[in-house]
Amino acid sequence: MIAIQTKYLSPTNTKGARIKAFATNRPLNWGVTIPYDYSESHEMPHFRAVQALIKKHKLEWDLNNMRFGGIDNGYVFCFDKSIVKESM
């Protein structure tokens, strides 16, 4: 399964708030950080970071069926094609 985790990075003295997105089952350098856009809903900057990650690495992942859920400091995004089937 492909999972992309995002996390909120607090502002510092030199940088504003940011969102970092990284693919959890890919090499460590598969990450991207974008500025936090306060004009959008809370979830949307995290999704924008996912879009930036996919664009940066020229991935052909269809985001139309992406699902997400909240964690302590961000979100985890995954695809609905990753299904666990219960065996009987």
N, C-alpha and C. Protein backbone atom coordinates (compact mmCIF):
# COMPACT_ATOMS: atom_id res chain seq x y z
N MET A 1 0.84 -1.18 0.00
CA MET A 1 0.00 0.00 0.00
C MET A 1 0.89 1.24 0.00
N ILE A 2 0.46 2.22 -0.72
CA ILE A 2 1.14 3.51 -0.72
C ILE A 2 0.46 4.39 0.32
N ALA A 3 1.24 4.89 1.26
CA ALA A 3 0.72 5.80 2.27
C ALA A 3 1.59 7.05 2.27
N ILE A 4 0.94 8.18 2.31
CA ILE A 4 1.64 9.46 2.37
C ILE A 4 1.24 10.14 3.67
N GLN A 5 2.24 10.48 4.45
CA GLN A 5 1.98 11.14 5.73
C GLN A 5 2.30 12.62 5.59
N THR A 6 1.48 13.44 6.21
CA THR A 6 1.75 14.88 6.25
C THR A 6 1.87 15.31 7.70
N LYS A 7 2.64 16.36 7.89
CA LYS A 7 2.72 16.88 9.25
C LYS A 7 2.89 18.39 9.22
N TYR A 8 2.30 19.02 10.21
CA TYR A 8 2.35 20.47 10.36
C TYR A 8 3.66 20.85 11.02
N LEU A 9 4.37 21.82 10.44
CA LEU A 9 5.60 22.35 11.02
C LEU A 9 5.33 23.77 11.49
N SER A 10 5.52 24.00 12.77
CA SER A 10 5.25 25.31 13.37
C SER A 10 6.17 26.38 12.79
N PRO A 11 5.72 27.62 12.80
CA PRO A 11 6.58 28.70 12.33
C PRO A 11 7.78 28.89 13.24
N THR A 12 8.87 29.37 12.64
CA THR A 12 10.09 29.68 13.40
C THR A 12 10.37 31.17 13.25
N ASN A 13 11.51 31.60 13.74
CA ASN A 13 11.89 33.01 13.59
C ASN A 13 12.18 33.38 12.14
N THR A 14 12.50 32.37 11.32
CA THR A 14 12.88 32.66 9.94
C THR A 14 11.93 32.08 8.90
N LYS A 15 11.06 31.15 9.29
CA LYS A 15 10.14 30.53 8.33
C LYS A 15 8.73 30.51 8.89
N GLY A 16 7.77 30.66 8.00
CA GLY A 16 6.38 30.56 8.41
C GLY A 16 5.97 29.11 8.62
N ALA A 17 4.72 28.91 8.98
CA ALA A 17 4.20 27.55 9.16
C ALA A 17 4.27 26.81 7.83
N ARG A 18 4.54 25.51 7.90
CA ARG A 18 4.69 24.69 6.70
C ARG A 18 4.02 23.34 6.90
N ILE A 19 3.82 22.65 5.78
CA ILE A 19 3.34 21.27 5.79
C ILE A 19 4.38 20.43 5.08
N LYS A 20 4.76 19.33 5.71
CA LYS A 20 5.70 18.39 5.11
C LYS A 20 4.93 17.14 4.73
N ALA A 21 5.14 16.64 3.51
CA ALA A 21 4.54 15.39 3.05
C ALA A 21 5.67 14.43 2.69
N PHE A 22 5.50 13.17 3.07
CA PHE A 22 6.50 12.17 2.71
C PHE A 22 5.83 10.81 2.55
N ALA A 23 6.36 10.03 1.62
CA ALA A 23 5.83 8.70 1.37
C ALA A 23 6.51 7.75 2.36
N THR A 24 5.71 7.07 3.15
CA THR A 24 6.26 6.26 4.24
C THR A 24 6.93 4.98 3.79
N ASN A 25 6.64 4.51 2.59
CA ASN A 25 7.27 3.27 2.13
C ASN A 25 8.23 3.52 0.97
N ARG A 26 8.75 4.71 0.88
CA ARG A 26 9.68 5.10 -0.19
C ARG A 26 10.98 5.58 0.44
N PRO A 27 12.00 5.84 -0.39
CA PRO A 27 13.26 6.36 0.16
C PRO A 27 13.04 7.63 0.98
N LEU A 28 13.93 7.88 1.92
CA LEU A 28 13.78 9.01 2.83
C LEU A 28 13.72 10.36 2.12
N ASN A 29 14.31 10.45 0.95
CA ASN A 29 14.30 11.75 0.25
C ASN A 29 13.01 11.99 -0.51
N TRP A 30 12.02 11.12 -0.38
CA TRP A 30 10.73 11.32 -1.02
C TRP A 30 9.86 12.19 -0.13
N GLY A 31 10.22 13.43 -0.04
CA GLY A 31 9.47 14.37 0.77
C GLY A 31 9.41 15.73 0.10
N VAL A 32 8.49 16.53 0.57
CA VAL A 32 8.35 17.89 0.08
C VAL A 32 7.76 18.73 1.21
N THR A 33 8.15 19.98 1.28
CA THR A 33 7.62 20.90 2.28
C THR A 33 7.09 22.13 1.56
N ILE A 34 5.87 22.52 1.92
CA ILE A 34 5.24 23.68 1.28
C ILE A 34 4.76 24.65 2.37
N PRO A 35 4.59 25.93 2.04
CA PRO A 35 4.04 26.88 3.01
C PRO A 35 2.60 26.52 3.37
N TYR A 36 2.22 26.79 4.61
CA TYR A 36 0.85 26.56 5.06
C TYR A 36 -0.02 27.71 4.56
N ASP A 37 -1.08 27.39 3.85
CA ASP A 37 -1.99 28.39 3.31
C ASP A 37 -3.18 28.54 4.26
N TYR A 38 -3.23 29.63 4.99
CA TYR A 38 -4.28 29.87 5.97
C TYR A 38 -5.63 30.19 5.34
N SER A 39 -5.67 30.44 4.03
CA SER A 39 -6.93 30.81 3.39
C SER A 39 -7.81 29.60 3.08
N GLU A 40 -7.28 28.39 3.25
CA GLU A 40 -8.04 27.18 2.94
C GLU A 40 -8.44 26.45 4.22
N SER A 41 -9.30 25.45 4.07
CA SER A 41 -9.69 24.63 5.21
C SER A 41 -8.46 23.94 5.80
N HIS A 42 -8.58 23.46 7.00
CA HIS A 42 -7.43 22.85 7.69
C HIS A 42 -6.85 21.66 6.92
N GLU A 43 -7.69 20.86 6.28
CA GLU A 43 -7.22 19.66 5.58
C GLU A 43 -6.55 19.98 4.24
N MET A 44 -7.00 21.04 3.58
CA MET A 44 -6.54 21.31 2.23
C MET A 44 -5.04 21.57 2.11
N PRO A 45 -4.39 22.31 3.01
CA PRO A 45 -2.93 22.46 2.88
C PRO A 45 -2.20 21.11 2.93
N HIS A 46 -2.74 20.17 3.68
CA HIS A 46 -2.12 18.84 3.74
C HIS A 46 -2.28 18.13 2.40
N PHE A 47 -3.46 18.25 1.80
CA PHE A 47 -3.68 17.65 0.48
C PHE A 47 -2.80 18.33 -0.57
N ARG A 48 -2.64 19.64 -0.47
CA ARG A 48 -1.77 20.36 -1.41
C ARG A 48 -0.33 19.85 -1.30
N ALA A 49 0.10 19.51 -0.10
CA ALA A 49 1.45 18.95 0.08
C ALA A 49 1.56 17.59 -0.59
N VAL A 50 0.51 16.79 -0.51
CA VAL A 50 0.48 15.49 -1.21
C VAL A 50 0.60 15.72 -2.72
N GLN A 51 -0.17 16.67 -3.23
CA GLN A 51 -0.10 17.00 -4.66
C GLN A 51 1.32 17.44 -5.05
N ALA A 52 1.95 18.24 -4.22
CA ALA A 52 3.31 18.71 -4.50
C ALA A 52 4.31 17.55 -4.50
N LEU A 53 4.14 16.60 -3.60
CA LEU A 53 5.01 15.42 -3.55
C LEU A 53 4.89 14.62 -4.84
N ILE A 54 3.66 14.40 -5.28
CA ILE A 54 3.42 13.63 -6.50
C ILE A 54 3.98 14.35 -7.72
N LYS A 55 3.80 15.66 -7.77
CA LYS A 55 4.34 16.44 -8.89
C LYS A 55 5.87 16.43 -8.89
N LYS A 56 6.48 16.62 -7.72
CA LYS A 56 7.94 16.67 -7.62
C LYS A 56 8.59 15.40 -8.12
N HIS A 57 7.99 14.26 -7.80
CA HIS A 57 8.58 12.97 -8.17
C HIS A 57 7.97 12.37 -9.43
N LYS A 58 7.15 13.18 -10.13
CA LYS A 58 6.55 12.78 -11.41
C LYS A 58 5.86 11.42 -11.31
N LEU A 59 5.05 11.27 -10.28
CA LEU A 59 4.34 10.01 -10.05
C LEU A 59 3.01 10.03 -10.77
N GLU A 60 2.57 8.90 -11.22
CA GLU A 60 1.30 8.79 -11.92
C GLU A 60 0.26 8.16 -11.00
N TRP A 61 0.05 8.76 -9.87
CA TRP A 61 -0.91 8.27 -8.88
C TRP A 61 -2.20 9.06 -9.03
N ASP A 62 -3.30 8.36 -9.15
CA ASP A 62 -4.61 8.97 -9.29
C ASP A 62 -5.12 9.38 -7.91
N LEU A 63 -5.29 10.66 -7.69
CA LEU A 63 -5.72 11.16 -6.38
C LEU A 63 -7.24 11.22 -6.22
N ASN A 64 -7.98 10.85 -7.25
CA ASN A 64 -9.43 10.95 -7.18
C ASN A 64 -10.05 10.07 -6.12
N ASN A 65 -9.45 8.94 -5.81
CA ASN A 65 -10.02 8.03 -4.82
C ASN A 65 -9.17 7.96 -3.56
N MET A 66 -8.43 9.00 -3.28
CA MET A 66 -7.59 9.03 -2.10
C MET A 66 -8.45 9.25 -0.85
N ARG A 67 -8.09 8.57 0.21
CA ARG A 67 -8.76 8.71 1.50
C ARG A 67 -7.73 9.24 2.50
N PHE A 68 -8.22 9.85 3.58
CA PHE A 68 -7.29 10.35 4.58
C PHE A 68 -7.89 10.26 5.96
N GLY A 69 -7.01 10.30 6.93
CA GLY A 69 -7.43 10.30 8.33
C GLY A 69 -6.43 11.08 9.15
N GLY A 70 -6.90 11.67 10.23
CA GLY A 70 -6.06 12.50 11.07
C GLY A 70 -5.18 11.70 12.02
N ILE A 71 -4.00 12.24 12.28
CA ILE A 71 -3.09 11.72 13.30
C ILE A 71 -2.69 12.90 14.17
N ASP A 72 -1.83 12.69 15.15
CA ASP A 72 -1.48 13.72 16.13
C ASP A 72 -1.12 15.07 15.50
N ASN A 73 -0.25 15.07 14.51
CA ASN A 73 0.28 16.33 13.99
C ASN A 73 0.09 16.45 12.48
N GLY A 74 -0.92 15.79 11.94
CA GLY A 74 -1.13 15.85 10.50
C GLY A 74 -2.15 14.84 10.04
N TYR A 75 -1.88 14.24 8.87
CA TYR A 75 -2.80 13.29 8.26
C TYR A 75 -2.02 12.16 7.59
N VAL A 76 -2.71 11.07 7.33
CA VAL A 76 -2.18 10.00 6.50
C VAL A 76 -3.15 9.84 5.34
N PHE A 77 -2.61 9.85 4.13
CA PHE A 77 -3.40 9.69 2.91
C PHE A 77 -3.07 8.34 2.30
N CYS A 78 -4.08 7.63 1.83
CA CYS A 78 -3.86 6.36 1.13
C CYS A 78 -4.95 6.19 0.08
N PHE A 79 -4.84 5.15 -0.69
CA PHE A 79 -5.75 4.92 -1.81
C PHE A 79 -6.76 3.84 -1.46
N ASP A 80 -7.96 3.98 -2.01
CA ASP A 80 -9.02 3.03 -1.69
C ASP A 80 -8.81 1.66 -2.35
N LYS A 81 -7.83 1.53 -3.21
CA LYS A 81 -7.56 0.23 -3.82
C LYS A 81 -6.82 -0.70 -2.86
N SER A 82 -6.31 -0.16 -1.77
CA SER A 82 -5.62 -0.95 -0.77
C SER A 82 -6.67 -1.44 0.25
N ILE A 83 -7.19 -2.62 -0.01
CA ILE A 83 -8.30 -3.14 0.79
C ILE A 83 -7.87 -4.40 1.53
N VAL A 84 -8.27 -4.47 2.77
CA VAL A 84 -8.06 -5.69 3.57
C VAL A 84 -9.33 -6.50 3.45
N LYS A 85 -9.19 -7.74 3.00
CA LYS A 85 -10.36 -8.61 2.87
C LYS A 85 -10.33 -9.63 3.98
N GLU A 86 -11.43 -9.73 4.68
CA GLU A 86 -11.54 -10.67 5.78
C GLU A 86 -11.82 -12.06 5.20
N SER A 87 -11.02 -13.03 5.62
CA SER A 87 -11.27 -14.39 5.17
C SER A 87 -12.14 -15.11 6.18
N MET A 88 -12.96 -16.00 5.71
CA MET A 88 -13.87 -16.71 6.61
C MET A 88 -13.51 -18.15 6.71
